[in-house]
Amino acid sequence: MPEYLAIEKILDEVRSIQSVYEATVVSRSGMHIAGDSPRGVHLETYVAMSAILLGAAETATAEMKDKLLYVSVELNRGKMVLTSAGSRALLVVTSSHEIQTSDLANQLRVIGEKIAKNV
């Protein structure tokens, strides 16, 4: 069973990263576990499509005999970075363009490992 309070505390760490807008933990099956989503989006659609996006990228990468580091989606208002949070969850973060995607992804990888211990 997920440790929601521990996960929310970890998400506060994500939210403290300058330029981060929202942080969401999603199950691999596309269910919301914790965190917030961008204002005005339909939460169920947002988390389900995020899980599909990361899952598809992992499958394509596995076919190439490689390992996915993260998925980055460039947006008008910023970016969306998705990374694994263990075998049961993923971390979805939106941010401004001010932060380098690779820098953000590296921070999220470490945080994803913390989340994995609580899911």
N, C-alpha and C. Protein backbone atom coordinates (compact mmCIF):
# COMPACT_ATOMS: atom_id res chain seq x y z
N MET A 1 0.84 -1.18 0.00
CA MET A 1 0.00 0.00 0.00
C MET A 1 0.89 1.25 0.00
N PRO A 2 0.59 2.20 -0.86
CA PRO A 2 1.41 3.42 -0.92
C PRO A 2 1.38 4.21 0.39
N GLU A 3 2.50 4.77 0.73
CA GLU A 3 2.62 5.63 1.91
C GLU A 3 2.39 7.07 1.45
N TYR A 4 1.12 7.49 1.44
CA TYR A 4 0.75 8.77 0.85
C TYR A 4 1.44 9.96 1.50
N LEU A 5 1.53 9.99 2.82
CA LEU A 5 2.17 11.13 3.47
C LEU A 5 3.64 11.22 3.11
N ALA A 6 4.31 10.07 3.04
CA ALA A 6 5.72 10.07 2.65
C ALA A 6 5.88 10.53 1.21
N ILE A 7 4.98 10.08 0.34
CA ILE A 7 5.04 10.49 -1.07
C ILE A 7 4.79 11.98 -1.20
N GLU A 8 3.82 12.51 -0.49
CA GLU A 8 3.54 13.95 -0.55
C GLU A 8 4.74 14.76 -0.06
N LYS A 9 5.42 14.27 0.96
CA LYS A 9 6.61 14.96 1.46
C LYS A 9 7.70 14.97 0.38
N ILE A 10 7.85 13.85 -0.31
CA ILE A 10 8.83 13.78 -1.40
C ILE A 10 8.43 14.73 -2.53
N LEU A 11 7.14 14.80 -2.81
CA LEU A 11 6.67 15.72 -3.86
C LEU A 11 6.91 17.17 -3.48
N ASP A 12 6.87 17.48 -2.19
CA ASP A 12 7.23 18.83 -1.76
C ASP A 12 8.67 19.15 -2.13
N GLU A 13 9.53 18.13 -2.08
CA GLU A 13 10.92 18.29 -2.50
C GLU A 13 10.99 18.63 -4.00
N VAL A 14 10.17 17.95 -4.78
CA VAL A 14 10.12 18.24 -6.22
C VAL A 14 9.62 19.66 -6.45
N ARG A 15 8.56 20.03 -5.77
CA ARG A 15 7.97 21.36 -5.95
C ARG A 15 8.93 22.47 -5.53
N SER A 16 9.90 22.15 -4.68
CA SER A 16 10.86 23.16 -4.24
C SER A 16 11.94 23.44 -5.29
N ILE A 17 12.01 22.60 -6.32
CA ILE A 17 12.96 22.84 -7.41
C ILE A 17 12.49 24.06 -8.18
N GLN A 18 13.37 25.04 -8.30
CA GLN A 18 13.00 26.26 -9.01
C GLN A 18 12.57 25.91 -10.43
N SER A 19 11.52 26.52 -10.90
CA SER A 19 10.95 26.35 -12.24
C SER A 19 9.92 25.24 -12.33
N VAL A 20 9.75 24.42 -11.29
CA VAL A 20 8.76 23.35 -11.33
C VAL A 20 7.37 23.93 -11.05
N TYR A 21 6.41 23.53 -11.88
CA TYR A 21 5.02 23.95 -11.70
C TYR A 21 4.23 22.91 -10.90
N GLU A 22 4.16 21.70 -11.43
CA GLU A 22 3.38 20.63 -10.79
C GLU A 22 4.17 19.34 -10.78
N ALA A 23 3.83 18.47 -9.82
CA ALA A 23 4.45 17.15 -9.71
C ALA A 23 3.36 16.14 -9.36
N THR A 24 3.34 15.04 -10.11
CA THR A 24 2.31 14.03 -9.93
C THR A 24 2.95 12.64 -9.93
N VAL A 25 2.50 11.79 -9.02
CA VAL A 25 2.90 10.38 -9.03
C VAL A 25 1.71 9.59 -9.58
N VAL A 26 2.01 8.74 -10.55
CA VAL A 26 1.00 7.99 -11.28
C VAL A 26 1.36 6.51 -11.24
N SER A 27 0.37 5.65 -11.09
CA SER A 27 0.65 4.22 -11.16
C SER A 27 0.93 3.84 -12.61
N ARG A 28 1.61 2.73 -12.80
CA ARG A 28 1.92 2.26 -14.16
C ARG A 28 0.64 1.96 -14.94
N SER A 29 -0.45 1.68 -14.23
CA SER A 29 -1.73 1.40 -14.90
C SER A 29 -2.51 2.68 -15.20
N GLY A 30 -1.97 3.84 -14.80
CA GLY A 30 -2.59 5.11 -15.14
C GLY A 30 -3.52 5.70 -14.10
N MET A 31 -3.34 5.31 -12.85
CA MET A 31 -4.17 5.85 -11.77
C MET A 31 -3.39 6.91 -10.99
N HIS A 32 -4.09 7.94 -10.54
CA HIS A 32 -3.46 8.99 -9.73
C HIS A 32 -3.11 8.43 -8.36
N ILE A 33 -1.87 8.63 -7.93
CA ILE A 33 -1.45 8.20 -6.60
C ILE A 33 -1.34 9.41 -5.68
N ALA A 34 -0.65 10.44 -6.13
CA ALA A 34 -0.44 11.62 -5.29
C ALA A 34 -0.02 12.79 -6.15
N GLY A 35 -0.11 13.98 -5.58
CA GLY A 35 0.38 15.17 -6.26
C GLY A 35 -0.72 15.93 -6.98
N ASP A 36 -0.27 16.93 -7.71
CA ASP A 36 -1.18 17.82 -8.40
C ASP A 36 -0.99 17.74 -9.90
N SER A 37 -1.98 18.23 -10.61
CA SER A 37 -1.91 18.26 -12.07
C SER A 37 -2.10 19.70 -12.52
N PRO A 38 -1.75 19.99 -13.76
CA PRO A 38 -1.93 21.36 -14.26
C PRO A 38 -3.39 21.80 -14.14
N ARG A 39 -3.57 23.06 -13.80
CA ARG A 39 -4.91 23.61 -13.63
C ARG A 39 -5.70 23.48 -14.92
N GLY A 40 -6.93 23.06 -14.78
CA GLY A 40 -7.83 22.98 -15.92
C GLY A 40 -7.79 21.68 -16.69
N VAL A 41 -6.90 20.76 -16.33
CA VAL A 41 -6.86 19.48 -17.05
C VAL A 41 -7.78 18.47 -16.36
N HIS A 42 -8.23 17.51 -17.10
CA HIS A 42 -9.02 16.41 -16.55
C HIS A 42 -8.02 15.42 -15.95
N LEU A 43 -8.02 15.29 -14.63
CA LEU A 43 -7.01 14.51 -13.93
C LEU A 43 -6.89 13.08 -14.46
N GLU A 44 -8.01 12.41 -14.63
CA GLU A 44 -7.97 11.01 -15.06
C GLU A 44 -7.33 10.87 -16.44
N THR A 45 -7.63 11.78 -17.34
CA THR A 45 -7.02 11.75 -18.67
C THR A 45 -5.53 12.04 -18.59
N TYR A 46 -5.18 13.05 -17.81
CA TYR A 46 -3.77 13.45 -17.67
C TYR A 46 -2.91 12.30 -17.14
N VAL A 47 -3.36 11.64 -16.09
CA VAL A 47 -2.53 10.57 -15.52
C VAL A 47 -2.52 9.33 -16.40
N ALA A 48 -3.66 9.00 -17.00
CA ALA A 48 -3.71 7.83 -17.87
C ALA A 48 -2.80 8.00 -19.09
N MET A 49 -2.88 9.16 -19.73
CA MET A 49 -2.05 9.40 -20.91
C MET A 49 -0.57 9.51 -20.55
N SER A 50 -0.27 10.01 -19.36
CA SER A 50 1.13 10.07 -18.91
C SER A 50 1.69 8.66 -18.77
N ALA A 51 0.91 7.76 -18.18
CA ALA A 51 1.36 6.37 -18.02
C ALA A 51 1.55 5.71 -19.38
N ILE A 52 0.64 5.96 -20.30
CA ILE A 52 0.76 5.39 -21.65
C ILE A 52 1.99 5.95 -22.35
N LEU A 53 2.22 7.24 -22.23
CA LEU A 53 3.37 7.88 -22.88
C LEU A 53 4.69 7.28 -22.40
N LEU A 54 4.86 7.17 -21.08
CA LEU A 54 6.10 6.61 -20.56
C LEU A 54 6.21 5.12 -20.91
N GLY A 55 5.11 4.40 -20.79
CA GLY A 55 5.12 2.97 -21.12
C GLY A 55 5.48 2.71 -22.57
N ALA A 56 4.93 3.51 -23.48
CA ALA A 56 5.24 3.36 -24.91
C ALA A 56 6.71 3.66 -25.17
N ALA A 57 7.23 4.70 -24.54
CA ALA A 57 8.64 5.04 -24.72
C ALA A 57 9.55 3.94 -24.18
N GLU A 58 9.17 3.35 -23.05
CA GLU A 58 9.98 2.26 -22.49
C GLU A 58 9.95 1.03 -23.40
N THR A 59 8.78 0.74 -23.96
CA THR A 59 8.66 -0.40 -24.86
C THR A 59 9.50 -0.19 -26.12
N ALA A 60 9.40 0.98 -26.72
CA ALA A 60 10.19 1.28 -27.92
C ALA A 60 11.68 1.21 -27.63
N THR A 61 12.07 1.75 -26.48
CA THR A 61 13.49 1.74 -26.09
C THR A 61 13.98 0.32 -25.86
N ALA A 62 13.15 -0.50 -25.23
CA ALA A 62 13.53 -1.90 -24.99
C ALA A 62 13.74 -2.64 -26.31
N GLU A 63 12.92 -2.32 -27.31
CA GLU A 63 13.10 -2.92 -28.64
C GLU A 63 14.45 -2.55 -29.24
N MET A 64 14.96 -1.40 -28.84
CA MET A 64 16.27 -0.95 -29.33
C MET A 64 17.40 -1.49 -28.46
N LYS A 65 17.04 -2.35 -27.50
CA LYS A 65 18.02 -2.95 -26.57
C LYS A 65 18.75 -1.87 -25.76
N ASP A 66 17.99 -0.89 -25.31
CA ASP A 66 18.55 0.19 -24.50
C ASP A 66 17.59 0.46 -23.35
N LYS A 67 17.96 1.39 -22.47
CA LYS A 67 17.12 1.71 -21.31
C LYS A 67 16.74 3.18 -21.36
N LEU A 68 15.47 3.45 -21.17
CA LEU A 68 14.95 4.81 -21.19
C LEU A 68 15.41 5.57 -19.95
N LEU A 69 15.89 6.79 -20.14
CA LEU A 69 16.27 7.65 -19.01
C LEU A 69 15.08 8.49 -18.57
N TYR A 70 14.43 9.16 -19.52
CA TYR A 70 13.26 9.99 -19.24
C TYR A 70 12.60 10.36 -20.55
N VAL A 71 11.39 10.89 -20.45
CA VAL A 71 10.67 11.42 -21.60
C VAL A 71 10.47 12.91 -21.35
N SER A 72 10.75 13.71 -22.36
CA SER A 72 10.54 15.16 -22.26
C SER A 72 9.60 15.59 -23.37
N VAL A 73 8.59 16.37 -22.99
CA VAL A 73 7.65 16.92 -23.95
C VAL A 73 7.76 18.44 -23.86
N GLU A 74 8.15 19.07 -24.97
CA GLU A 74 8.30 20.52 -25.00
C GLU A 74 6.95 21.16 -25.29
N LEU A 75 6.58 22.12 -24.47
CA LEU A 75 5.29 22.79 -24.57
C LEU A 75 5.48 24.29 -24.78
N ASN A 76 4.43 24.99 -25.15
CA ASN A 76 4.51 26.45 -25.27
C ASN A 76 4.86 27.11 -23.95
N ARG A 77 4.23 26.67 -22.87
CA ARG A 77 4.43 27.32 -21.58
C ARG A 77 5.55 26.70 -20.77
N GLY A 78 6.17 25.66 -21.26
CA GLY A 78 7.24 25.01 -20.50
C GLY A 78 7.52 23.63 -21.04
N LYS A 79 7.64 22.69 -20.11
CA LYS A 79 7.93 21.32 -20.51
C LYS A 79 7.32 20.35 -19.52
N MET A 80 7.23 19.12 -19.95
CA MET A 80 6.72 18.03 -19.12
C MET A 80 7.79 16.95 -19.15
N VAL A 81 8.24 16.51 -17.99
CA VAL A 81 9.26 15.47 -17.90
C VAL A 81 8.67 14.29 -17.15
N LEU A 82 8.78 13.11 -17.74
CA LEU A 82 8.27 11.89 -17.14
C LEU A 82 9.43 10.95 -16.89
N THR A 83 9.45 10.35 -15.72
CA THR A 83 10.51 9.41 -15.39
C THR A 83 9.96 8.29 -14.53
N SER A 84 10.63 7.18 -14.54
CA SER A 84 10.22 6.03 -13.74
C SER A 84 10.37 6.33 -12.25
N ALA A 85 9.43 5.79 -11.48
CA ALA A 85 9.53 5.83 -10.02
C ALA A 85 9.39 4.40 -9.53
N GLY A 86 10.24 3.54 -10.08
CA GLY A 86 10.19 2.12 -9.75
C GLY A 86 9.29 1.35 -10.69
N SER A 87 9.04 0.10 -10.35
CA SER A 87 8.27 -0.78 -11.23
C SER A 87 6.77 -0.55 -11.14
N ARG A 88 6.32 0.23 -10.15
CA ARG A 88 4.89 0.41 -9.95
C ARG A 88 4.38 1.82 -10.21
N ALA A 89 5.29 2.78 -10.44
CA ALA A 89 4.84 4.17 -10.58
C ALA A 89 5.75 4.98 -11.49
N LEU A 90 5.29 6.17 -11.82
CA LEU A 90 6.09 7.12 -12.57
C LEU A 90 5.88 8.51 -11.98
N LEU A 91 6.81 9.38 -12.25
CA LEU A 91 6.77 10.75 -11.77
C LEU A 91 6.61 11.66 -12.98
N VAL A 92 5.60 12.52 -12.95
CA VAL A 92 5.33 13.46 -14.03
C VAL A 92 5.48 14.87 -13.47
N VAL A 93 6.34 15.67 -14.10
CA VAL A 93 6.61 17.02 -13.61
C VAL A 93 6.47 18.00 -14.77
N THR A 94 5.83 19.12 -14.50
CA THR A 94 5.81 20.21 -15.46
C THR A 94 6.66 21.34 -14.92
N SER A 95 7.33 22.03 -15.83
CA SER A 95 8.22 23.12 -15.40
C SER A 95 8.30 24.17 -16.50
N SER A 96 8.96 25.27 -16.16
CA SER A 96 9.22 26.31 -17.15
C SER A 96 10.40 25.88 -18.02
N HIS A 97 10.66 26.67 -19.05
CA HIS A 97 11.82 26.40 -19.92
C HIS A 97 13.13 26.83 -19.26
N GLU A 98 13.07 27.50 -18.13
CA GLU A 98 14.27 28.06 -17.51
C GLU A 98 15.25 27.01 -17.01
N ILE A 99 14.78 25.83 -16.70
CA ILE A 99 15.66 24.78 -16.21
C ILE A 99 16.02 23.84 -17.36
N GLN A 100 17.27 23.42 -17.40
CA GLN A 100 17.72 22.47 -18.42
C GLN A 100 17.01 21.13 -18.19
N THR A 101 16.51 20.54 -19.25
CA THR A 101 15.77 19.29 -19.13
C THR A 101 16.62 18.20 -18.50
N SER A 102 17.87 18.08 -18.92
CA SER A 102 18.73 17.02 -18.37
C SER A 102 19.00 17.23 -16.89
N ASP A 103 19.14 18.49 -16.46
CA ASP A 103 19.35 18.77 -15.03
C ASP A 103 18.11 18.37 -14.23
N LEU A 104 16.95 18.75 -14.73
CA LEU A 104 15.71 18.39 -14.05
C LEU A 104 15.54 16.88 -14.01
N ALA A 105 15.78 16.22 -15.13
CA ALA A 105 15.62 14.76 -15.20
C ALA A 105 16.56 14.06 -14.23
N ASN A 106 17.78 14.54 -14.10
CA ASN A 106 18.72 13.93 -13.15
C ASN A 106 18.22 14.06 -11.72
N GLN A 107 17.67 15.21 -11.37
CA GLN A 107 17.10 15.39 -10.03
C GLN A 107 15.89 14.48 -9.83
N LEU A 108 15.07 14.36 -10.86
CA LEU A 108 13.87 13.53 -10.77
C LEU A 108 14.21 12.05 -10.66
N ARG A 109 15.29 11.63 -11.28
CA ARG A 109 15.69 10.22 -11.19
C ARG A 109 15.94 9.84 -9.73
N VAL A 110 16.68 10.69 -9.02
CA VAL A 110 16.98 10.44 -7.61
C VAL A 110 15.69 10.46 -6.78
N ILE A 111 14.84 11.42 -7.06
CA ILE A 111 13.57 11.53 -6.33
C ILE A 111 12.66 10.35 -6.66
N GLY A 112 12.69 9.90 -7.90
CA GLY A 112 11.90 8.73 -8.30
C GLY A 112 12.28 7.49 -7.53
N GLU A 113 13.57 7.35 -7.22
CA GLU A 113 14.02 6.21 -6.41
C GLU A 113 13.43 6.29 -5.00
N LYS A 114 13.32 7.49 -4.46
CA LYS A 114 12.70 7.66 -3.13
C LYS A 114 11.22 7.30 -3.18
N ILE A 115 10.55 7.74 -4.24
CA ILE A 115 9.13 7.44 -4.38
C ILE A 115 8.92 5.93 -4.50
N ALA A 116 9.78 5.26 -5.25
CA ALA A 116 9.65 3.82 -5.46
C ALA A 116 9.64 3.05 -4.14
N LYS A 117 10.34 3.55 -3.16
CA LYS A 117 10.40 2.88 -1.85
C LYS A 117 9.10 3.04 -1.06
N ASN A 118 8.24 3.95 -1.50
CA ASN A 118 7.00 4.24 -0.78
C ASN A 118 5.73 3.86 -1.54
N VAL A 119 5.89 3.28 -2.71
CA VAL A 119 4.72 2.90 -3.51
C VAL A 119 4.48 1.41 -3.38
